[in-house]
Amino acid sequence: MEMTNAVGWPQRTKSYIDEVKAEMRRVSWPSWKQVRATTGVVIAAVFLFAAYFAVVDTVVNSVINKIINFAIH
C-alpha cells in the first residue's frame, strides 16, 4: 500500500461526504400527499400480485396433482 493512499483517505472521505451533501440539496423530494398516494399504489399492487400468484399456484398445483395421480393409476 502506498503511503499517499493511507494518508489521503480522510480527505477523500470528507470530499465524498461533502459531494453527497451537495447532491442531496439538489434532490426534489415528493410531497407527503405524493408519498401516501404512491405507497397506496404499491400496497394495492402487492396484494393484486399476491392474489394472482395464489390463483396460478392453485391451478398449477391442481394440474400437477392430476398428472401425478394419472401416472400412478
C-alpha atoms as a PDB file:
ATOM      1  CA  MET A   1       0.000   0.000   0.000  1.00  0.00           C
ATOM      2  CA  GLU A   2       1.344   3.385  -0.920  1.00  0.00           C
ATOM      3  CA  MET A   3       1.793   5.988   1.770  1.00  0.00           C
ATOM      4  CA  THR A   4      -0.265   8.558  -0.201  1.00  0.00           C
ATOM      5  CA  ASN A   5      -3.290   6.271  -0.177  1.00  0.00           C
ATOM      6  CA  ALA A   6      -3.066   5.742   3.560  1.00  0.00           C
ATOM      7  CA  VAL A   7      -2.642   9.445   4.279  1.00  0.00           C
ATOM      8  CA  GLY A   8      -5.193  10.712   1.752  1.00  0.00           C
ATOM      9  CA  TRP A   9      -8.216   8.670   2.792  1.00  0.00           C
ATOM     10  CA  PRO A  10      -9.533  11.151   5.400  1.00  0.00           C
ATOM     11  CA  GLN A  11      -9.528  13.949   2.787  1.00  0.00           C
ATOM     12  CA  ARG A  12     -11.163  11.686   0.170  1.00  0.00           C
ATOM     13  CA  THR A  13     -13.805  10.649   2.695  1.00  0.00           C
ATOM     14  CA  LYS A  14     -14.559  14.273   3.631  1.00  0.00           C
ATOM     15  CA  SER A  15     -14.736  15.205  -0.047  1.00  0.00           C
ATOM     16  CA  TYR A  16     -17.142  12.339  -0.717  1.00  0.00           C
ATOM     17  CA  ILE A  17     -19.396  13.355   2.183  1.00  0.00           C
ATOM     18  CA  ASP A  18     -19.385  16.980   1.003  1.00  0.00           C
ATOM     19  CA  GLU A  19     -20.372  15.865  -2.505  1.00  0.00           C
ATOM     20  CA  VAL A  20     -23.188  13.712  -1.112  1.00  0.00           C
ATOM     21  CA  LYS A  21     -24.498  16.648   0.937  1.00  0.00           C
ATOM     22  CA  ALA A  22     -24.406  18.927  -2.119  1.00  0.00           C
ATOM     23  CA  GLU A  23     -26.235  16.349  -4.224  1.00  0.00           C
ATOM     24  CA  MET A  24     -28.890  15.814  -1.543  1.00  0.00           C
ATOM     25  CA  ARG A  25     -29.654  19.550  -1.591  1.00  0.00           C
ATOM     26  CA  ARG A  26     -30.464  19.244  -5.311  1.00  0.00           C
ATOM     27  CA  VAL A  27     -32.883  16.334  -4.848  1.00  0.00           C
ATOM     28  CA  SER A  28     -36.533  17.196  -5.384  1.00  0.00           C
ATOM     29  CA  TRP A  29     -38.382  15.361  -2.660  1.00  0.00           C
ATOM     30  CA  PRO A  30     -42.027  14.282  -3.163  1.00  0.00           C
ATOM     31  CA  SER A  31     -44.762  15.861  -1.109  1.00  0.00           C
ATOM     32  CA  TRP A  32     -46.404  13.936   1.717  1.00  0.00           C
ATOM     33  CA  LYS A  33     -49.535  13.607  -0.447  1.00  0.00           C
ATOM     34  CA  GLN A  34     -47.487  12.028  -3.269  1.00  0.00           C
ATOM     35  CA  VAL A  35     -45.797   9.647  -0.840  1.00  0.00           C
ATOM     36  CA  ARG A  36     -49.146   8.463   0.523  1.00  0.00           C
ATOM     37  CA  ALA A  37     -50.596   8.030  -2.978  1.00  0.00           C
ATOM     38  CA  THR A  38     -47.666   6.048  -4.336  1.00  0.00           C
ATOM     39  CA  THR A  39     -47.498   3.951  -1.161  1.00  0.00           C
ATOM     40  CA  GLY A  40     -51.170   3.091  -1.645  1.00  0.00           C
ATOM     41  CA  VAL A  41     -50.499   2.064  -5.245  1.00  0.00           C
ATOM     42  CA  VAL A  42     -47.588  -0.136  -4.185  1.00  0.00           C
ATOM     43  CA  ILE A  43     -49.609  -1.829  -1.434  1.00  0.00           C
ATOM     44  CA  ALA A  44     -52.528  -2.434  -3.815  1.00  0.00           C
ATOM     45  CA  ALA A  45     -50.170  -3.847  -6.456  1.00  0.00           C
ATOM     46  CA  VAL A  46     -48.582  -6.193  -3.924  1.00  0.00           C
ATOM     47  CA  PHE A  47     -51.993  -7.571  -2.920  1.00  0.00           C
ATOM     48  CA  LEU A  48     -53.087  -7.940  -6.555  1.00  0.00           C
ATOM     49  CA  PHE A  49     -49.902  -9.797  -7.471  1.00  0.00           C
ATOM     50  CA  ALA A  50     -50.253 -11.986  -4.375  1.00  0.00           C
ATOM     51  CA  ALA A  51     -53.828 -12.887  -5.370  1.00  0.00           C
ATOM     52  CA  TYR A  52     -52.759 -13.568  -8.968  1.00  0.00           C
ATOM     53  CA  PHE A  53     -49.905 -15.825  -7.907  1.00  0.00           C
ATOM     54  CA  ALA A  54     -52.128 -17.627  -5.401  1.00  0.00           C
ATOM     55  CA  VAL A  55     -54.576 -18.440  -8.206  1.00  0.00           C
ATOM     56  CA  VAL A  56     -51.785 -19.509 -10.564  1.00  0.00           C
ATOM     57  CA  ASP A  57     -50.213 -21.631  -7.823  1.00  0.00           C
ATOM     58  CA  THR A  58     -53.542 -23.351  -7.110  1.00  0.00           C
ATOM     59  CA  VAL A  59     -54.154 -24.088 -10.794  1.00  0.00           C
ATOM     60  CA  VAL A  60     -50.616 -25.371 -11.428  1.00  0.00           C
ATOM     61  CA  ASN A  61     -50.740 -27.465  -8.251  1.00  0.00           C
ATOM     62  CA  SER A  62     -54.046 -28.985  -9.330  1.00  0.00           C
ATOM     63  CA  VAL A  63     -52.728 -29.809 -12.808  1.00  0.00           C
ATOM     64  CA  ILE A  64     -49.550 -31.374 -11.441  1.00  0.00           C
ATOM     65  CA  ASN A  65     -51.522 -33.438  -8.913  1.00  0.00           C
ATOM     66  CA  LYS A  66     -53.802 -34.714 -11.693  1.00  0.00           C
ATOM     67  CA  ILE A  67     -50.778 -35.662 -13.821  1.00  0.00           C
ATOM     68  CA  ILE A  68     -49.159 -37.475 -10.881  1.00  0.00           C
ATOM     69  CA  ASN A  69     -52.379 -39.273  -9.973  1.00  0.00           C
ATOM     70  CA  PHE A  70     -52.906 -40.289 -13.610  1.00  0.00           C
ATOM     71  CA  ALA A  71     -49.329 -41.633 -13.817  1.00  0.00           C
ATOM     72  CA  ILE A  72     -49.721 -43.625 -10.588  1.00  0.00           C
ATOM     73  CA  HIS A  73     -53.036 -45.272 -11.542  1.00  0.00           C
END
